[in-house]
Amino acid sequence: MQTKLTLRMDDRLIAGAKQHAARAGKSLSQVVAEYFLVCTSGSPVSVDETPRVSRLRGCLKDTGAAEADYLKHLEDKHS
């Protein structure tokens, strides 16, 4: 059973959320429901990969880059 929910938010936040939902090809209700599902589930919910993430996946494989290198970079950048 689905129940109607009323949320009160800033107009700009609502407009931005509607744009985000449209770009994702979803209704705002779907986006909010998915968010609530993530918040209330005990385990991570799978999320569709964007095309950009798909293209980047594995691009550093066999480059010798290590997590320690990335952490060092972040430390240098933010100190």
C-alpha atoms as a PDB file:
ATOM      1  CA  MET A   1       0.000   0.000   0.000  1.00  0.00           C
ATOM      2  CA  GLN A   2       1.283   3.447  -0.861  1.00  0.00           C
ATOM      3  CA  THR A   3       0.474   6.430   1.336  1.00  0.00           C
ATOM      4  CA  LYS A   4       0.742  10.092   0.476  1.00  0.00           C
ATOM      5  CA  LEU A   5       3.430  12.055   2.354  1.00  0.00           C
ATOM      6  CA  THR A   6       3.663  15.842   2.555  1.00  0.00           C
ATOM      7  CA  LEU A   7       7.099  17.398   3.007  1.00  0.00           C
ATOM      8  CA  ARG A   8       7.801  21.087   3.591  1.00  0.00           C
ATOM      9  CA  MET A   9      11.066  22.386   2.150  1.00  0.00           C
ATOM     10  CA  ASP A  10      12.679  25.460   0.716  1.00  0.00           C
ATOM     11  CA  ASP A  11      11.466  26.239  -2.821  1.00  0.00           C
ATOM     12  CA  ARG A  12      15.006  26.186  -4.234  1.00  0.00           C
ATOM     13  CA  LEU A  13      15.679  22.795  -2.679  1.00  0.00           C
ATOM     14  CA  ILE A  14      12.505  21.401  -4.225  1.00  0.00           C
ATOM     15  CA  ALA A  15      13.384  22.827  -7.641  1.00  0.00           C
ATOM     16  CA  GLY A  16      16.859  21.328  -7.462  1.00  0.00           C
ATOM     17  CA  ALA A  17      15.491  17.973  -6.346  1.00  0.00           C
ATOM     18  CA  LYS A  18      13.021  17.949  -9.253  1.00  0.00           C
ATOM     19  CA  GLN A  19      15.845  18.696 -11.698  1.00  0.00           C
ATOM     20  CA  HIS A  20      17.934  15.897 -10.197  1.00  0.00           C
ATOM     21  CA  ALA A  21      15.034  13.452 -10.500  1.00  0.00           C
ATOM     22  CA  ALA A  22      14.393  14.482 -14.115  1.00  0.00           C
ATOM     23  CA  ARG A  23      18.065  13.983 -15.028  1.00  0.00           C
ATOM     24  CA  ALA A  24      17.898  10.532 -13.436  1.00  0.00           C
ATOM     25  CA  GLY A  25      14.701   9.743 -15.377  1.00  0.00           C
ATOM     26  CA  LYS A  26      12.749   9.245 -12.168  1.00  0.00           C
ATOM     27  CA  SER A  27       9.907  10.924 -10.360  1.00  0.00           C
ATOM     28  CA  LEU A  28      10.689  12.914  -7.249  1.00  0.00           C
ATOM     29  CA  SER A  29       8.633  10.405  -5.279  1.00  0.00           C
ATOM     30  CA  GLN A  30      10.881   7.596  -6.569  1.00  0.00           C
ATOM     31  CA  VAL A  31      14.027   9.482  -5.558  1.00  0.00           C
ATOM     32  CA  VAL A  32      12.689  10.153  -2.064  1.00  0.00           C
ATOM     33  CA  ALA A  33      11.486   6.553  -1.659  1.00  0.00           C
ATOM     34  CA  GLU A  34      14.908   5.216  -2.723  1.00  0.00           C
ATOM     35  CA  TYR A  35      16.603   7.549  -0.244  1.00  0.00           C
ATOM     36  CA  PHE A  36      14.344   6.378   2.577  1.00  0.00           C
ATOM     37  CA  LEU A  37      15.039   2.771   1.586  1.00  0.00           C
ATOM     38  CA  VAL A  38      18.784   3.379   1.854  1.00  0.00           C
ATOM     39  CA  CYS A  39      18.336   5.096   5.224  1.00  0.00           C
ATOM     40  CA  THR A  40      16.242   2.320   6.692  1.00  0.00           C
ATOM     41  CA  SER A  41      17.904  -0.778   5.248  1.00  0.00           C
ATOM     42  CA  GLY A  42      20.574  -2.570   7.186  1.00  0.00           C
ATOM     43  CA  SER A  43      22.603  -3.268   4.057  1.00  0.00           C
ATOM     44  CA  PRO A  44      23.693  -1.148   1.114  1.00  0.00           C
ATOM     45  CA  VAL A  45      21.234  -0.869  -1.757  1.00  0.00           C
ATOM     46  CA  SER A  46      22.646  -1.301  -5.241  1.00  0.00           C
ATOM     47  CA  VAL A  47      22.631   1.877  -7.291  1.00  0.00           C
ATOM     48  CA  ASP A  48      22.757   2.048 -11.057  1.00  0.00           C
ATOM     49  CA  GLU A  49      26.143   3.152 -12.328  1.00  0.00           C
ATOM     50  CA  THR A  50      26.207   6.306 -14.366  1.00  0.00           C
ATOM     51  CA  PRO A  51      27.834   6.107 -17.810  1.00  0.00           C
ATOM     52  CA  ARG A  52      30.773   8.190 -16.559  1.00  0.00           C
ATOM     53  CA  VAL A  53      31.457   5.811 -13.684  1.00  0.00           C
ATOM     54  CA  SER A  54      31.206   2.858 -16.059  1.00  0.00           C
ATOM     55  CA  ARG A  55      33.843   4.412 -18.331  1.00  0.00           C
ATOM     56  CA  LEU A  56      36.172   5.108 -15.392  1.00  0.00           C
ATOM     57  CA  ARG A  57      35.828   1.712 -13.721  1.00  0.00           C
ATOM     58  CA  GLY A  58      39.144  -0.111 -13.913  1.00  0.00           C
ATOM     59  CA  CYS A  59      41.057   2.754 -15.538  1.00  0.00           C
ATOM     60  CA  LEU A  60      43.773   2.620 -12.847  1.00  0.00           C
ATOM     61  CA  LYS A  61      44.172  -1.142 -12.981  1.00  0.00           C
ATOM     62  CA  ASP A  62      47.787  -2.183 -13.554  1.00  0.00           C
ATOM     63  CA  THR A  63      49.038   1.415 -13.153  1.00  0.00           C
ATOM     64  CA  GLY A  64      50.752   0.744  -9.854  1.00  0.00           C
ATOM     65  CA  ALA A  65      48.529   3.272  -8.084  1.00  0.00           C
ATOM     66  CA  ALA A  66      47.837   2.229  -4.507  1.00  0.00           C
ATOM     67  CA  GLU A  67      45.354   3.380  -1.893  1.00  0.00           C
ATOM     68  CA  ALA A  68      48.294   4.661   0.175  1.00  0.00           C
ATOM     69  CA  ASP A  69      49.257   6.958  -2.722  1.00  0.00           C
ATOM     70  CA  TYR A  70      45.753   8.400  -2.786  1.00  0.00           C
ATOM     71  CA  LEU A  71      45.673   8.892   0.972  1.00  0.00           C
ATOM     72  CA  LYS A  72      49.058  10.657   0.805  1.00  0.00           C
ATOM     73  CA  HIS A  73      47.718  12.905  -1.957  1.00  0.00           C
ATOM     74  CA  LEU A  74      44.695  13.830   0.180  1.00  0.00           C
ATOM     75  CA  GLU A  75      46.876  14.490   3.180  1.00  0.00           C
ATOM     76  CA  ASP A  76      49.175  16.789   1.155  1.00  0.00           C
ATOM     77  CA  LYS A  77      46.232  18.539  -0.466  1.00  0.00           C
ATOM     78  CA  HIS A  78      44.391  19.304   2.760  1.00  0.00           C
ATOM     79  CA  SER A  79      47.281  20.161   5.052  1.00  0.00           C
END
